[in-house]
Amino acid sequence: MAQKLVQINFHYTISEQQLQAGTEEALALIQQAPGLIWKIWIYNDQDKIAGGIYLFEDEDAASAYVNGPVVAGLKNSPVFSNFDVRLFDIMREQSQATYAYLGGSFPL
């Protein structure tokens, strides 16, 4: 199966410091997600939008994550709202030509 990209965005009502501190709780769960290759954590404190870009080994792993306990926990939190969860296919050749890293741990 082909790799799958997941994009999750949501609004938050807490401070940037509270948002960053809250990631510690989710970190271990996300690190253990089956099929996860990497995640980039994103936020825009001015617009109060956060989320992540994830690369999974395949669609089954991506779907399991999206429908699993981590995302459900986010959706059940009173400080998060307006969820946008999308799965994407990857244009591999074009992505690699523009320096995308599509395997292993992400070299920042």
Protein backbone atom coordinates (compact mmCIF):
# COMPACT_ATOMS: atom_id res chain seq x y z
CA MET A 1 0.00 0.00 0.00
CA ALA A 2 1.01 3.60 -0.56
CA GLN A 3 1.89 6.03 2.21
CA LYS A 4 -0.88 8.35 3.39
CA LEU A 5 -0.68 11.92 4.64
CA VAL A 6 -3.10 13.11 7.33
CA GLN A 7 -3.83 16.75 8.07
CA ILE A 8 -5.68 17.66 11.26
CA ASN A 9 -6.53 21.27 12.14
CA PHE A 10 -8.65 22.60 14.99
CA HIS A 11 -9.30 25.79 16.94
CA TYR A 12 -8.28 26.19 20.58
CA THR A 13 -9.34 28.51 23.39
CA ILE A 14 -6.33 28.21 25.70
CA SER A 15 -3.05 30.11 25.84
CA GLU A 16 -0.06 29.16 23.72
CA GLN A 17 1.74 28.02 26.88
CA GLN A 18 -1.17 25.76 27.86
CA LEU A 19 -1.31 24.35 24.33
CA GLN A 20 2.41 23.56 24.34
CA ALA A 21 2.22 22.02 27.83
CA GLY A 22 -0.71 19.85 26.77
CA THR A 23 1.32 18.27 24.00
CA GLU A 24 3.42 16.41 26.58
CA GLU A 25 0.42 14.29 27.52
CA ALA A 26 -0.34 13.37 23.91
CA LEU A 27 3.26 12.87 22.83
CA ALA A 28 3.74 9.31 24.11
CA LEU A 29 0.44 8.16 22.62
CA ILE A 30 1.24 9.66 19.23
CA GLN A 31 4.77 8.23 19.23
CA GLN A 32 3.26 4.76 19.66
CA ALA A 33 0.72 5.11 16.82
CA PRO A 34 1.11 2.06 14.56
CA GLY A 35 2.39 2.99 11.12
CA LEU A 36 3.35 6.57 12.00
CA ILE A 37 6.50 7.66 10.15
CA TRP A 38 6.53 11.27 11.39
CA LYS A 39 4.39 14.16 12.58
CA ILE A 40 4.89 17.89 12.29
CA TRP A 41 3.13 19.86 15.02
CA ILE A 42 1.64 23.16 13.82
CA TYR A 43 -0.07 26.15 15.42
CA ASN A 44 -0.96 29.76 14.79
CA ASP A 45 -1.58 31.50 18.10
CA GLN A 46 -2.92 34.66 16.48
CA ASP A 47 -5.78 32.71 14.85
CA LYS A 48 -5.91 30.07 17.64
CA ILE A 49 -5.54 27.18 15.17
CA ALA A 50 -3.37 24.13 15.81
CA GLY A 51 -2.96 20.64 14.45
CA GLY A 52 -0.54 18.41 12.71
CA ILE A 53 0.68 16.95 9.46
CA TYR A 54 1.32 13.19 9.71
CA LEU A 55 2.88 10.65 7.39
CA PHE A 56 1.68 7.07 7.80
CA GLU A 57 2.93 3.87 6.20
CA ASP A 58 -0.46 3.19 4.58
CA GLU A 59 -4.13 4.09 4.51
CA ASP A 60 -5.08 1.47 7.11
CA ALA A 61 -2.70 3.00 9.67
CA ALA A 62 -3.85 6.54 8.83
CA SER A 63 -7.52 5.61 9.14
CA ALA A 64 -6.93 3.76 12.40
CA TYR A 65 -5.25 6.85 13.85
CA VAL A 66 -7.94 9.25 12.64
CA ASN A 67 -10.65 6.99 14.11
CA GLY A 68 -8.66 6.12 17.25
CA PRO A 69 -8.41 7.33 20.83
CA VAL A 70 -5.98 10.24 20.33
CA VAL A 71 -8.19 12.08 17.86
CA ALA A 72 -11.32 11.12 19.83
CA GLY A 73 -9.73 12.62 22.94
CA LEU A 74 -9.05 15.87 21.11
CA LYS A 75 -12.60 16.02 19.80
CA ASN A 76 -14.00 15.46 23.30
CA SER A 77 -11.94 18.26 24.84
CA PRO A 78 -13.87 21.43 25.69
CA VAL A 79 -10.91 23.63 24.63
CA PHE A 80 -10.78 22.35 21.02
CA SER A 81 -13.36 22.81 18.26
CA ASN A 82 -13.92 23.10 14.50
CA PHE A 83 -12.01 19.97 13.53
CA ASP A 84 -10.88 19.45 9.97
CA VAL A 85 -9.44 15.97 9.41
CA ARG A 86 -8.29 14.98 5.92
CA LEU A 87 -6.39 12.11 4.34
CA PHE A 88 -4.28 12.71 1.25
CA ASP A 89 -2.38 10.67 -1.30
CA ILE A 90 1.17 11.79 -2.02
CA MET A 91 2.70 12.82 -5.34
CA ARG A 92 5.97 11.07 -4.53
CA GLU A 93 8.17 12.17 -7.42
CA GLN A 94 7.13 15.80 -7.20
CA SER A 95 7.43 15.81 -3.40
CA GLN A 96 10.91 14.32 -3.44
CA ALA A 97 11.95 16.78 -6.15
CA THR A 98 11.02 19.57 -3.73
CA TYR A 99 12.97 17.97 -0.85
CA ALA A 100 10.19 16.05 0.96
CA TYR A 101 11.46 13.31 3.21
CA LEU A 102 9.12 10.36 2.87
CA GLY A 103 10.72 7.75 5.06
CA GLY A 104 12.23 7.16 8.48
CA SER A 105 12.51 9.87 11.09
CA PHE A 106 12.21 13.42 9.82
CA PRO A 107 15.61 15.19 9.61
CA LEU A 108 14.98 18.68 10.93
